[in-house]
Amino acid sequence: MSQSILTVDDSRTMRDMLAHTLEGAGHQVIQAVDGKDGLDKICTQPFDVVITDINMPVMNGIEFIHEVRAQREYATLPILILTTESSEEKKNEGRQAGATGWIVKPFDPDKLLRVIEKVSPST
């Protein structure tokens, strides 16, 4: 089933790789360049899943997740962290912020699609 997915990453290359993978699987993808841009976009349309990096300028991924979770209508929105970070400390920080899952870059396209299918509300 097609999902509307917001990707939040300051790397154009990573956003484009995500878009290629996700659109190739039939999903609609909207891209944001940092957490603030992601918040602006999430307020303009509904999304089924959000994929965010952690290390970004302006507003990092943890701050972004906190801001999204502070809004009642996004309490159950699946938010996946896609990052080069792999320490338990960072993973705990992500969980405490409200992240649904964690994927380490570089990502495996098939695994990413399986995770999205697993966390998507309409599956």
PDB file of N, CA and C in Angstrom:
ATOM      1  N   MET A   1       0.835  -1.187   0.000  1.00  0.00           N
ATOM      2  CA  MET A   1       0.000   0.000   0.000  1.00  0.00           C
ATOM      3  C   MET A   1       0.877   1.245   0.000  1.00  0.00           C
ATOM      4  N   SER A   2       0.496   2.213  -0.785  1.00  0.00           N
ATOM      5  CA  SER A   2       1.255   3.454  -0.910  1.00  0.00           C
ATOM      6  C   SER A   2       1.127   4.310   0.347  1.00  0.00           C
ATOM      7  N   GLN A   3       2.250   4.825   0.805  1.00  0.00           N
ATOM      8  CA  GLN A   3       2.299   5.669   1.996  1.00  0.00           C
ATOM      9  C   GLN A   3       2.807   7.056   1.606  1.00  0.00           C
ATOM     10  N   SER A   4       2.404   8.054   2.379  1.00  0.00           N
ATOM     11  CA  SER A   4       2.952   9.396   2.244  1.00  0.00           C
ATOM     12  C   SER A   4       4.070   9.507   3.283  1.00  0.00           C
ATOM     13  N   ILE A   5       5.300   9.718   2.810  1.00  0.00           N
ATOM     14  CA  ILE A   5       6.468   9.667   3.685  1.00  0.00           C
ATOM     15  C   ILE A   5       7.237  10.981   3.632  1.00  0.00           C
ATOM     16  N   LEU A   6       7.536  11.521   4.808  1.00  0.00           N
ATOM     17  CA  LEU A   6       8.378  12.710   4.926  1.00  0.00           C
ATOM     18  C   LEU A   6       9.788  12.262   5.272  1.00  0.00           C
ATOM     19  N   THR A   7      10.763  12.683   4.463  1.00  0.00           N
ATOM     20  CA  THR A   7      12.167  12.399   4.775  1.00  0.00           C
ATOM     21  C   THR A   7      12.829  13.703   5.200  1.00  0.00           C
ATOM     22  N   VAL A   8      13.567  13.646   6.313  1.00  0.00           N
ATOM     23  CA  VAL A   8      14.212  14.837   6.870  1.00  0.00           C
ATOM     24  C   VAL A   8      15.707  14.546   6.989  1.00  0.00           C
ATOM     25  N   ASP A   9      16.503  15.183   6.142  1.00  0.00           N
ATOM     26  CA  ASP A   9      17.953  14.944   6.146  1.00  0.00           C
ATOM     27  C   ASP A   9      18.629  16.125   5.456  1.00  0.00           C
ATOM     28  N   ASP A  10      19.742  16.593   6.026  1.00  0.00           N
ATOM     29  CA  ASP A  10      20.436  17.725   5.421  1.00  0.00           C
ATOM     30  C   ASP A  10      21.281  17.317   4.219  1.00  0.00           C
ATOM     31  N   SER A  11      21.456  16.032   3.981  1.00  0.00           N
ATOM     32  CA  SER A  11      22.220  15.554   2.830  1.00  0.00           C
ATOM     33  C   SER A  11      21.297  15.339   1.623  1.00  0.00           C
ATOM     34  N   ARG A  12      21.521  16.130   0.587  1.00  0.00           N
ATOM     35  CA  ARG A  12      20.719  15.972  -0.639  1.00  0.00           C
ATOM     36  C   ARG A  12      20.876  14.565  -1.203  1.00  0.00           C
ATOM     37  N   THR A  13      22.095  14.036  -1.168  1.00  0.00           N
ATOM     38  CA  THR A  13      22.348  12.691  -1.688  1.00  0.00           C
ATOM     39  C   THR A  13      21.504  11.661  -0.942  1.00  0.00           C
ATOM     40  N   MET A  14      21.465  11.761   0.388  1.00  0.00           N
ATOM     41  CA  MET A  14      20.678  10.807   1.172  1.00  0.00           C
ATOM     42  C   MET A  14      19.186  10.976   0.887  1.00  0.00           C
ATOM     43  N   ARG A  15      18.712  12.219   0.818  1.00  0.00           N
ATOM     44  CA  ARG A  15      17.292  12.444   0.499  1.00  0.00           C
ATOM     45  C   ARG A  15      16.943  11.845  -0.856  1.00  0.00           C
ATOM     46  N   ASP A  16      17.825  12.037  -1.828  1.00  0.00           N
ATOM     47  CA  ASP A  16      17.569  11.500  -3.168  1.00  0.00           C
ATOM     48  C   ASP A  16      17.599   9.974  -3.186  1.00  0.00           C
ATOM     49  N   MET A  17      18.523   9.367  -2.418  1.00  0.00           N
ATOM     50  CA  MET A  17      18.569   7.895  -2.334  1.00  0.00           C
ATOM     51  C   MET A  17      17.290   7.366  -1.689  1.00  0.00           C
ATOM     52  N   LEU A  18      16.825   8.025  -0.641  1.00  0.00           N
ATOM     53  CA  LEU A  18      15.576   7.618   0.009  1.00  0.00           C
ATOM     54  C   LEU A  18      14.403   7.759  -0.957  1.00  0.00           C
ATOM     55  N   ALA A  19      14.334   8.895  -1.647  1.00  0.00           N
ATOM     56  CA  ALA A  19      13.238   9.128  -2.600  1.00  0.00           C
ATOM     57  C   ALA A  19      13.238   8.054  -3.686  1.00  0.00           C
ATOM     58  N   HIS A  20      14.409   7.737  -4.213  1.00  0.00           N
ATOM     59  CA  HIS A  20      14.515   6.714  -5.260  1.00  0.00           C
ATOM     60  C   HIS A  20      13.982   5.367  -4.761  1.00  0.00           C
ATOM     61  N   THR A  21      14.393   4.982  -3.562  1.00  0.00           N
ATOM     62  CA  THR A  21      13.961   3.700  -2.989  1.00  0.00           C
ATOM     63  C   THR A  21      12.464   3.709  -2.703  1.00  0.00           C
ATOM     64  N   LEU A  22      11.997   4.757  -2.041  1.00  0.00           N
ATOM     65  CA  LEU A  22      10.605   4.806  -1.604  1.00  0.00           C
ATOM     66  C   LEU A  22       9.639   5.012  -2.769  1.00  0.00           C
ATOM     67  N   GLU A  23       9.974   5.918  -3.679  1.00  0.00           N
ATOM     68  CA  GLU A  23       9.102   6.145  -4.837  1.00  0.00           C
ATOM     69  C   GLU A  23       9.087   4.918  -5.747  1.00  0.00           C
ATOM     70  N   GLY A  24      10.211   4.218  -5.809  1.00  0.00           N
ATOM     71  CA  GLY A  24      10.278   2.986  -6.593  1.00  0.00           C
ATOM     72  C   GLY A  24       9.341   1.913  -6.056  1.00  0.00           C
ATOM     73  N   ALA A  25       9.025   2.010  -4.758  1.00  0.00           N
ATOM     74  CA  ALA A  25       8.095   1.061  -4.131  1.00  0.00           C
ATOM     75  C   ALA A  25       6.659   1.609  -4.131  1.00  0.00           C
ATOM     76  N   GLY A  26       6.444   2.748  -4.800  1.00  0.00           N
ATOM     77  CA  GLY A  26       5.097   3.287  -4.934  1.00  0.00           C
ATOM     78  C   GLY A  26       4.673   4.293  -3.880  1.00  0.00           C
ATOM     79  N   HIS A  27       5.600   4.732  -3.037  1.00  0.00           N
ATOM     80  CA  HIS A  27       5.258   5.698  -1.999  1.00  0.00           C
ATOM     81  C   HIS A  27       5.415   7.131  -2.505  1.00  0.00           C
ATOM     82  N   GLN A  28       4.665   8.045  -1.883  1.00  0.00           N
ATOM     83  CA  GLN A  28       4.812   9.472  -2.166  1.00  0.00           C
ATOM     84  C   GLN A  28       5.823  10.027  -1.160  1.00  0.00           C
ATOM     85  N   VAL A  29       6.829  10.779  -1.638  1.00  0.00           N
ATOM     86  CA  VAL A  29       7.890  11.278  -0.769  1.00  0.00           C
ATOM     87  C   VAL A  29       7.952  12.800  -0.827  1.00  0.00           C
ATOM     88  N   ILE A  30       7.983  13.414   0.339  1.00  0.00           N
ATOM     89  CA  ILE A  30       8.225  14.841   0.483  1.00  0.00           C
ATOM     90  C   ILE A  30       9.530  14.972   1.256  1.00  0.00           C
ATOM     91  N   GLN A  31      10.417  15.861   0.799  1.00  0.00           N
ATOM     92  CA  GLN A  31      11.728  16.007   1.420  1.00  0.00           C
ATOM     93  C   GLN A  31      11.820  17.296   2.230  1.00  0.00           C
ATOM     94  N   ALA A  32      12.530  17.215   3.368  1.00  0.00           N
ATOM     95  CA  ALA A  32      12.838  18.380   4.187  1.00  0.00           C
ATOM     96  C   ALA A  32      14.337  18.398   4.455  1.00  0.00           C
ATOM     97  N   VAL A  33      14.927  19.601   4.536  1.00  0.00           N
ATOM     98  CA  VAL A  33      16.383  19.736   4.639  1.00  0.00           C
ATOM     99  C   VAL A  33      16.898  19.771   6.079  1.00  0.00           C
ATOM    100  N   ASP A  34      16.005  19.945   7.048  1.00  0.00           N
ATOM    101  CA  ASP A  34      16.384  19.925   8.462  1.00  0.00           C
ATOM    102  C   ASP A  34      15.110  19.817   9.288  1.00  0.00           C
ATOM    103  N   GLY A  35      15.263  19.754  10.613  1.00  0.00           N
ATOM    104  CA  GLY A  35      14.107  19.578  11.469  1.00  0.00           C
ATOM    105  C   GLY A  35      13.075  20.693  11.367  1.00  0.00           C
ATOM    106  N   LYS A  36      13.532  21.934  11.255  1.00  0.00           N
ATOM    107  CA  LYS A  36      12.603  23.056  11.142  1.00  0.00           C
ATOM    108  C   LYS A  36      11.795  22.951   9.851  1.00  0.00           C
ATOM    109  N   ASP A  37      12.475  22.656   8.756  1.00  0.00           N
ATOM    110  CA  ASP A  37      11.796  22.471   7.475  1.00  0.00           C
ATOM    111  C   ASP A  37      10.813  21.300   7.575  1.00  0.00           C
ATOM    112  N   GLY A  38      11.219  20.232   8.270  1.00  0.00           N
ATOM    113  CA  GLY A  38      10.333  19.089   8.475  1.00  0.00           C
ATOM    114  C   GLY A  38       9.080  19.474   9.249  1.00  0.00           C
ATOM    115  N   LEU A  39       9.245  20.268  10.304  1.00  0.00           N
ATOM    116  CA  LEU A  39       8.084  20.730  11.084  1.00  0.00           C
ATOM    117  C   LEU A  39       7.153  21.569  10.229  1.00  0.00           C
ATOM    118  N   ASP A  40       7.728  22.451   9.413  1.00  0.00           N
ATOM    119  CA  ASP A  40       6.910  23.276   8.525  1.00  0.00           C
ATOM    120  C   ASP A  40       6.089  22.394   7.588  1.00  0.00           C
ATOM    121  N   LYS A  41       6.711  21.348   7.054  1.00  0.00           N
ATOM    122  CA  LYS A  41       6.024  20.480   6.090  1.00  0.00           C
ATOM    123  C   LYS A  41       4.986  19.588   6.767  1.00  0.00           C
ATOM    124  N   ILE A  42       5.282  19.134   7.973  1.00  0.00           N
ATOM    125  CA  ILE A  42       4.350  18.238   8.664  1.00  0.00           C
ATOM    126  C   ILE A  42       3.069  18.971   9.060  1.00  0.00           C
ATOM    127  N   CYS A  43       3.170  20.300   9.157  1.00  0.00           N
ATOM    128  CA  CYS A  43       1.993  21.106   9.503  1.00  0.00           C
ATOM    129  C   CYS A  43       1.119  21.409   8.294  1.00  0.00           C
ATOM    130  N   THR A  44       1.607  21.115   7.085  1.00  0.00           N
ATOM    131  CA  THR A  44       0.845  21.439   5.887  1.00  0.00           C
ATOM    132  C   THR A  44       0.086  20.261   5.294  1.00  0.00           C
ATOM    133  N   GLN A  45       0.482  19.036   5.657  1.00  0.00           N
ATOM    134  CA  GLN A  45      -0.205  17.860   5.117  1.00  0.00           C
ATOM    135  C   GLN A  45       0.058  16.659   6.017  1.00  0.00           C
ATOM    136  N   PRO A  46      -0.833  15.682   5.976  1.00  0.00           N
ATOM    137  CA  PRO A  46      -0.631  14.481   6.799  1.00  0.00           C
ATOM    138  C   PRO A  46       0.389  13.533   6.166  1.00  0.00           C
ATOM    139  N   PHE A  47       1.136  12.838   7.022  1.00  0.00           N
ATOM    140  CA  PHE A  47       2.089  11.831   6.567  1.00  0.00           C
ATOM    141  C   PHE A  47       1.795  10.528   7.290  1.00  0.00           C
ATOM    142  N   ASP A  48       2.107   9.410   6.630  1.00  0.00           N
ATOM    143  CA  ASP A  48       1.933   8.093   7.232  1.00  0.00           C
ATOM    144  C   ASP A  48       3.171   7.678   8.024  1.00  0.00           C
ATOM    145  N   VAL A  49       4.343   8.132   7.556  1.00  0.00           N
ATOM    146  CA  VAL A  49       5.621   7.769   8.179  1.00  0.00           C
ATOM    147  C   VAL A  49       6.580   8.940   8.004  1.00  0.00           C
ATOM    148  N   VAL A  50       7.456   9.131   8.996  1.00  0.00           N
ATOM    149  CA  VAL A  50       8.529  10.122   8.901  1.00  0.00           C
ATOM    150  C   VAL A  50       9.856   9.393   9.077  1.00  0.00           C
ATOM    151  N   ILE A  51      10.838   9.754   8.253  1.00  0.00           N
ATOM    152  CA  ILE A  51      12.201   9.227   8.380  1.00  0.00           C
ATOM    153  C   ILE A  51      13.108  10.434   8.586  1.00  0.00           C
ATOM    154  N   THR A  52      13.842  10.459   9.694  1.00  0.00           N
ATOM    155  CA  THR A  52      14.695  11.611   9.983  1.00  0.00           C
ATOM    156  C   THR A  52      16.113  11.223  10.366  1.00  0.00           C
ATOM    157  N   ASP A  53      17.041  12.076   9.967  1.00  0.00           N
ATOM    158  CA  ASP A  53      18.426  11.978  10.416  1.00  0.00           C
ATOM    159  C   ASP A  53      18.486  12.605  11.805  1.00  0.00           C
ATOM    160  N   ILE A  54      19.609  12.446  12.498  1.00  0.00           N
ATOM    161  CA  ILE A  54      19.795  13.106  13.793  1.00  0.00           C
ATOM    162  C   ILE A  54      20.629  14.368  13.635  1.00  0.00           C
ATOM    163  N   ASN A  55      21.803  14.238  13.022  1.00  0.00           N
ATOM    164  CA  ASN A  55      22.761  15.340  12.949  1.00  0.00           C
ATOM    165  C   ASN A  55      22.447  16.260  11.773  1.00  0.00           C
ATOM    166  N   MET A  56      21.765  17.387  12.088  1.00  0.00           N
ATOM    167  CA  MET A  56      21.395  18.365  11.068  1.00  0.00           C
ATOM    168  C   MET A  56      21.518  19.762  11.666  1.00  0.00           C
ATOM    169  N   PRO A  57      21.753  20.755  10.807  1.00  0.00           N
ATOM    170  CA  PRO A  57      21.779  22.133  11.297  1.00  0.00           C
ATOM    171  C   PRO A  57      20.357  22.642  11.569  1.00  0.00           C
ATOM    172  N   VAL A  58      20.230  23.792  12.145  1.00  0.00           N
ATOM    173  CA  VAL A  58      18.990  24.496  12.450  1.00  0.00           C
ATOM    174  C   VAL A  58      18.201  23.784  13.554  1.00  0.00           C
ATOM    175  N   MET A  59      17.747  22.567  13.299  1.00  0.00           N
ATOM    176  CA  MET A  59      17.060  21.749  14.306  1.00  0.00           C
ATOM    177  C   MET A  59      17.441  20.305  14.049  1.00  0.00           C
ATOM    178  N   ASN A  60      18.058  19.652  15.037  1.00  0.00           N
ATOM    179  CA  ASN A  60      18.479  18.262  14.825  1.00  0.00           C
ATOM    180  C   ASN A  60      17.287  17.304  14.925  1.00  0.00           C
ATOM    181  N   GLY A  61      17.540  16.051  14.612  1.00  0.00           N
ATOM    182  CA  GLY A  61      16.469  15.060  14.570  1.00  0.00           C
ATOM    183  C   GLY A  61      15.801  14.802  15.909  1.00  0.00           C
ATOM    184  N   ILE A  62      16.568  14.824  16.998  1.00  0.00           N
ATOM    185  CA  ILE A  62      15.989  14.593  18.329  1.00  0.00           C
ATOM    186  C   ILE A  62      15.043  15.737  18.689  1.00  0.00           C
ATOM    187  N   GLU A  63      15.477  16.974  18.444  1.00  0.00           N
ATOM    188  CA  GLU A  63      14.615  18.142  18.698  1.00  0.00           C
ATOM    189  C   GLU A  63      13.362  18.071  17.828  1.00  0.00           C
ATOM    190  N   PHE A  64      13.538  17.680  16.577  1.00  0.00           N
ATOM    191  CA  PHE A  64      12.419  17.541  15.646  1.00  0.00           C
ATOM    192  C   PHE A  64      11.400  16.537  16.174  1.00  0.00           C
ATOM    193  N   ILE A  65      11.876  15.381  16.631  1.00  0.00           N
ATOM    194  CA  ILE A  65      10.963  14.357  17.156  1.00  0.00           C
ATOM    195  C   ILE A  65      10.228  14.877  18.383  1.00  0.00           C
ATOM    196  N   HIS A  66      10.939  15.545  19.290  1.00  0.00           N
ATOM    197  CA  HIS A  66      10.293  16.136  20.469  1.00  0.00           C
ATOM    198  C   HIS A  66       9.172  17.093  20.056  1.00  0.00           C
ATOM    199  N   GLU A  67       9.447  17.941  19.070  1.00  0.00           N
ATOM    200  CA  GLU A  67       8.454  18.918  18.608  1.00  0.00           C
ATOM    201  C   GLU A  67       7.242  18.228  17.982  1.00  0.00           C
ATOM    202  N   VAL A  68       7.487  17.195  17.195  1.00  0.00           N
ATOM    203  CA  VAL A  68       6.376  16.460  16.565  1.00  0.00           C
ATOM    204  C   VAL A  68       5.536  15.773  17.639  1.00  0.00           C
ATOM    205  N   ARG A  69       6.190  15.090  18.568  1.00  0.00           N
ATOM    206  CA  ARG A  69       5.477  14.369  19.622  1.00  0.00           C
ATOM    207  C   ARG A  69       4.723  15.302  20.579  1.00  0.00           C
ATOM    208  N   ALA A  70       5.131  16.561  20.655  1.00  0.00           N
ATOM    209  CA  ALA A  70       4.447  17.531  21.517  1.00  0.00           C
ATOM    210  C   ALA A  70       3.059  17.885  20.967  1.00  0.00           C
ATOM    211  N   GLN A  71       2.816  17.539  19.719  1.00  0.00           N
ATOM    212  CA  GLN A  71       1.520  17.813  19.090  1.00  0.00           C
ATOM    213  C   GLN A  71       0.663  16.548  19.159  1.00  0.00           C
ATOM    214  N   ARG A  72      -0.440  16.647  19.844  1.00  0.00           N
ATOM    215  CA  ARG A  72      -1.296  15.491  20.122  1.00  0.00           C
ATOM    216  C   ARG A  72      -1.643  14.676  18.876  1.00  0.00           C
ATOM    217  N   GLU A  73      -1.888  15.347  17.764  1.00  0.00           N
ATOM    218  CA  GLU A  73      -2.314  14.616  16.558  1.00  0.00           C
ATOM    219  C   GLU A  73      -1.210  13.730  15.983  1.00  0.00           C
ATOM    220  N   TYR A  74       0.030  13.921  16.438  1.00  0.00           N
ATOM    221  CA  TYR A  74       1.141  13.110  15.942  1.00  0.00           C
ATOM    222  C   TYR A  74       1.653  12.121  16.985  1.00  0.00           C
ATOM    223  N   ALA A  75       0.858  11.853  17.993  1.00  0.00           N
ATOM    224  CA  ALA A  75       1.291  10.964  19.087  1.00  0.00           C
ATOM    225  C   ALA A  75       1.634   9.557  18.606  1.00  0.00           C
ATOM    226  N   THR A  76       0.952   9.084  17.572  1.00  0.00           N
ATOM    227  CA  THR A  76       1.177   7.713  17.103  1.00  0.00           C
ATOM    228  C   THR A  76       1.839   7.640  15.722  1.00  0.00           C
ATOM    229  N   LEU A  77       2.222   8.783  15.165  1.00  0.00           N
ATOM    230  CA  LEU A  77       2.867   8.808  13.856  1.00  0.00           C
ATOM    231  C   LEU A  77       4.190   8.038  13.914  1.00  0.00           C
ATOM    232  N   PRO A  78       4.393   7.041  13.056  1.00  0.00           N
ATOM    233  CA  PRO A  78       5.672   6.324  13.056  1.00  0.00           C
ATOM    234  C   PRO A  78       6.811   7.244  12.617  1.00  0.00           C
ATOM    235  N   ILE A  79       7.844   7.349  13.456  1.00  0.00           N
ATOM    236  CA  ILE A  79       9.020   8.160  13.144  1.00  0.00           C
ATOM    237  C   ILE A  79      10.246   7.253  13.228  1.00  0.00           C
ATOM    238  N   LEU A  80      10.913   7.087  12.090  1.00  0.00           N
ATOM    239  CA  LEU A  80      12.126   6.274  12.029  1.00  0.00           C
ATOM    240  C   LEU A  80      13.346   7.180  11.974  1.00  0.00           C
ATOM    241  N   ILE A  81      14.361   6.844  12.762  1.00  0.00           N
ATOM    242  CA  ILE A  81      15.624   7.562  12.703  1.00  0.00           C
ATOM    243  C   ILE A  81      16.545   6.799  11.759  1.00  0.00           C
ATOM    244  N   LEU A  82      17.105   7.513  10.786  1.00  0.00           N
ATOM    245  CA  LEU A  82      18.062   6.947   9.840  1.00  0.00           C
ATOM    246  C   LEU A  82      19.334   7.776   9.970  1.00  0.00           C
ATOM    247  N   THR A  83      20.375   7.194  10.544  1.00  0.00           N
ATOM    248  CA  THR A  83      21.568   7.958  10.899  1.00  0.00           C
ATOM    249  C   THR A  83      22.824   7.103  10.878  1.00  0.00           C
ATOM    250  N   THR A  84      23.967   7.769  10.894  1.00  0.00           N
ATOM    251  CA  THR A  84      25.240   7.057  11.028  1.00  0.00           C
ATOM    252  C   THR A  84      25.520   6.734  12.488  1.00  0.00           C
ATOM    253  N   GLU A  85      24.797   7.364  13.407  1.00  0.00           N
ATOM    254  CA  GLU A  85      24.980   7.130  14.842  1.00  0.00           C
ATOM    255  C   GLU A  85      24.528   5.718  15.199  1.00  0.00           C
ATOM    256  N   SER A  86      25.305   5.039  16.035  1.00  0.00           N
ATOM    257  CA  SER A  86      24.893   3.692  16.426  1.00  0.00           C
ATOM    258  C   SER A  86      25.122   3.412  17.914  1.00  0.00           C
ATOM    259  N   SER A  87      25.494   4.428  18.685  1.00  0.00           N
ATOM    260  CA  SER A  87      25.762   4.212  20.110  1.00  0.00           C
ATOM    261  C   SER A  87      24.453   3.987  20.873  1.00  0.00           C
ATOM    262  N   GLU A  88      24.531   3.202  21.925  1.00  0.00           N
ATOM    263  CA  GLU A  88      23.346   2.954  22.761  1.00  0.00           C
ATOM    264  C   GLU A  88      22.827   4.254  23.365  1.00  0.00           C
ATOM    265  N   GLU A  89      23.750   5.154  23.705  1.00  0.00           N
ATOM    266  CA  GLU A  89      23.346   6.441  24.280  1.00  0.00           C
ATOM    267  C   GLU A  89      22.454   7.216  23.310  1.00  0.00           C
ATOM    268  N   LYS A  90      22.856   7.283  22.044  1.00  0.00           N
ATOM    269  CA  LYS A  90      22.058   7.984  21.031  1.00  0.00           C
ATOM    270  C   LYS A  90      20.730   7.262  20.784  1.00  0.00           C
ATOM    271  N   LYS A  91      20.766   5.929  20.754  1.00  0.00           N
ATOM    272  CA  LYS A  91      19.531   5.169  20.556  1.00  0.00           C
ATOM    273  C   LYS A  91      18.555   5.422  21.700  1.00  0.00           C
ATOM    274  N   ASN A  92      19.057   5.457  22.924  1.00  0.00           N
ATOM    275  CA  ASN A  92      18.196   5.759  24.069  1.00  0.00           C
ATOM    276  C   ASN A  92      17.623   7.155  23.972  1.00  0.00           C
ATOM    277  N   GLU A  93      18.446   8.108  23.531  1.00  0.00           N
ATOM    278  CA  GLU A  93      17.982   9.482  23.353  1.00  0.00           C
ATOM    279  C   GLU A  93      16.847   9.522  22.322  1.00  0.00           C
ATOM    280  N   GLY A  94      17.006   8.761  21.251  1.00  0.00           N
ATOM    281  CA  GLY A  94      15.964   8.686  20.223  1.00  0.00           C
ATOM    282  C   GLY A  94      14.680   8.070  20.745  1.00  0.00           C
ATOM    283  N   ARG A  95      14.810   6.980  21.503  1.00  0.00           N
ATOM    284  CA  ARG A  95      13.621   6.332  22.092  1.00  0.00           C
ATOM    285  C   ARG A  95      12.904   7.278  23.046  1.00  0.00           C
ATOM    286  N   GLN A  96      13.681   7.960  23.885  1.00  0.00           N
ATOM    287  CA  GLN A  96      13.084   8.890  24.851  1.00  0.00           C
ATOM    288  C   GLN A  96      12.378  10.049  24.153  1.00  0.00           C
ATOM    289  N   ALA A  97      12.887  10.448  22.996  1.00  0.00           N
ATOM    290  CA  ALA A  97      12.246  11.522  22.234  1.00  0.00           C
ATOM    291  C   ALA A  97      10.936  11.045  21.618  1.00  0.00           C
ATOM    292  N   GLY A  98      10.824   9.733  21.381  1.00  0.00           N
ATOM    293  CA  GLY A  98       9.596   9.193  20.808  1.00  0.00           C
ATOM    294  C   GLY A  98       9.768   8.509  19.470  1.00  0.00           C
ATOM    295  N   ALA A  99      11.011   8.178  19.103  1.00  0.00           N
ATOM    296  CA  ALA A  99      11.243   7.488  17.832  1.00  0.00           C
ATOM    297  C   ALA A  99      10.639   6.083  17.870  1.00  0.00           C
ATOM    298  N   THR A 100      10.114   5.665  16.740  1.00  0.00           N
ATOM    299  CA  THR A 100       9.513   4.344  16.602  1.00  0.00           C
ATOM    300  C   THR A 100      10.571   3.287  16.303  1.00  0.00           C
ATOM    301  N   GLY A 101      11.603   3.674  15.536  1.00  0.00           N
ATOM    302  CA  GLY A 101      12.629   2.722  15.140  1.00  0.00           C
ATOM    303  C   GLY A 101      13.919   3.420  14.767  1.00  0.00           C
ATOM    304  N   TRP A 102      14.957   2.620  14.532  1.00  0.00           N
ATOM    305  CA  TRP A 102      16.316   3.119  14.294  1.00  0.00           C
ATOM    306  C   TRP A 102      16.958   2.310  13.192  1.00  0.00           C
ATOM    307  N   ILE A 103      17.470   2.992  12.180  1.00  0.00           N
ATOM    308  CA  ILE A 103      18.168   2.325  11.085  1.00  0.00           C
ATOM    309  C   ILE A 103      19.507   3.039  10.900  1.00  0.00           C
ATOM    310  N   VAL A 104      20.590   2.262  10.783  1.00  0.00           N
ATOM    311  CA  VAL A 104      21.916   2.842  10.632  1.00  0.00           C
ATOM    312  C   VAL A 104      22.265   2.967   9.148  1.00  0.00           C
ATOM    313  N   LYS A 105      22.795   4.140   8.764  1.00  0.00           N
ATOM    314  CA  LYS A 105      23.292   4.352   7.398  1.00  0.00           C
ATOM    315  C   LYS A 105      24.627   3.629   7.253  1.00  0.00           C
ATOM    316  N   PRO A 106      24.951   3.159   6.062  1.00  0.00           N
ATOM    317  CA  PRO A 106      24.119   3.164   4.867  1.00  0.00           C
ATOM    318  C   PRO A 106      22.981   2.150   5.011  1.00  0.00           C
ATOM    319  N   PHE A 107      21.825   2.507   4.475  1.00  0.00           N
ATOM    320  CA  PHE A 107      20.661   1.638   4.643  1.00  0.00           C
ATOM    321  C   PHE A 107      20.531   0.622   3.521  1.00  0.00           C
ATOM    322  N   ASP A 108      19.934  -0.513   3.865  1.00  0.00           N
ATOM    323  CA  ASP A 108      19.608  -1.550   2.888  1.00  0.00           C
ATOM    324  C   ASP A 108      18.190  -1.240   2.399  1.00  0.00           C
ATOM    325  N   PRO A 109      18.007  -0.968   1.102  1.00  0.00           N
ATOM    326  CA  PRO A 109      16.683  -0.586   0.598  1.00  0.00           C
ATOM    327  C   PRO A 109      15.572  -1.574   0.953  1.00  0.00           C
ATOM    328  N   ASP A 110      15.836  -2.868   0.824  1.00  0.00           N
ATOM    329  CA  ASP A 110      14.801  -3.864   1.127  1.00  0.00           C
ATOM    330  C   ASP A 110      14.437  -3.847   2.610  1.00  0.00           C
ATOM    331  N   LYS A 111      15.445  -3.718   3.458  1.00  0.00           N
ATOM    332  CA  LYS A 111      15.179  -3.659   4.900  1.00  0.00           C
ATOM    333  C   LYS A 111      14.369  -2.413   5.244  1.00  0.00           C
ATOM    334  N   LEU A 112      14.728  -1.278   4.644  1.00  0.00           N
ATOM    335  CA  LEU A 112      13.989  -0.035   4.891  1.00  0.00           C
ATOM    336  C   LEU A 112      12.513  -0.208   4.519  1.00  0.00           C
ATOM    337  N   LEU A 113      12.254  -0.791   3.367  1.00  0.00           N
ATOM    338  CA  LEU A 113      10.867  -0.988   2.928  1.00  0.00           C
ATOM    339  C   LEU A 113      10.118  -1.945   3.853  1.00  0.00           C
ATOM    340  N   ARG A 114      10.788  -2.973   4.354  1.00  0.00           N
ATOM    341  CA  ARG A 114      10.155  -3.897   5.302  1.00  0.00           C
ATOM    342  C   ARG A 114       9.805  -3.188   6.605  1.00  0.00           C
ATOM    343  N   VAL A 115      10.708  -2.341   7.081  1.00  0.00           N
ATOM    344  CA  VAL A 115      10.454  -1.607   8.324  1.00  0.00           C
ATOM    345  C   VAL A 115       9.274  -0.657   8.136  1.00  0.00           C
ATOM    346  N   ILE A 116       9.228   0.030   7.011  1.00  0.00           N
ATOM    347  CA  ILE A 116       8.103   0.942   6.741  1.00  0.00           C
ATOM    348  C   ILE A 116       6.791   0.173   6.706  1.00  0.00           C
ATOM    349  N   GLU A 117       6.793  -0.963   6.063  1.00  0.00           N
ATOM    350  CA  GLU A 117       5.585  -1.790   6.005  1.00  0.00           C
ATOM    351  C   GLU A 117       5.165  -2.215   7.417  1.00  0.00           C
ATOM    352  N   LYS A 118       6.150  -2.547   8.248  1.00  0.00           N
ATOM    353  CA  LYS A 118       5.867  -3.004   9.611  1.00  0.00           C
ATOM    354  C   LYS A 118       5.261  -1.897  10.482  1.00  0.00           C
ATOM    355  N   VAL A 119       5.776  -0.666  10.362  1.00  0.00           N
ATOM    356  CA  VAL A 119       5.322   0.413  11.245  1.00  0.00           C
ATOM    357  C   VAL A 119       4.151   1.211  10.692  1.00  0.00           C
ATOM    358  N   SER A 120       3.821   1.037   9.426  1.00  0.00           N
ATOM    359  CA  SER A 120       2.760   1.814   8.803  1.00  0.00           C
ATOM    360  C   SER A 120       1.397   1.523   9.434  1.00  0.00           C
ATOM    361  N   PRO A 121       0.647   2.589   9.714  1.00  0.00           N
ATOM    362  CA  PRO A 121      -0.649   2.422  10.388  1.00  0.00           C
ATOM    363  C   PRO A 121      -1.681   1.675   9.571  1.00  0.00           C
ATOM    364  N   SER A 122      -1.568   1.720   8.232  1.00  0.00           N
ATOM    365  CA  SER A 122      -2.607   1.112   7.407  1.00  0.00           C
ATOM    366  C   SER A 122      -2.301  -0.326   7.027  1.00  0.00           C
ATOM    367  N   THR A 123      -1.276  -0.916   7.673  1.00  0.00           N
ATOM    368  CA  THR A 123      -0.986  -2.318   7.334  1.00  0.00           C
ATOM    369  C   THR A 123      -1.489  -3.236   8.430  1.00  0.00           C
TER     370      THR A 123
END
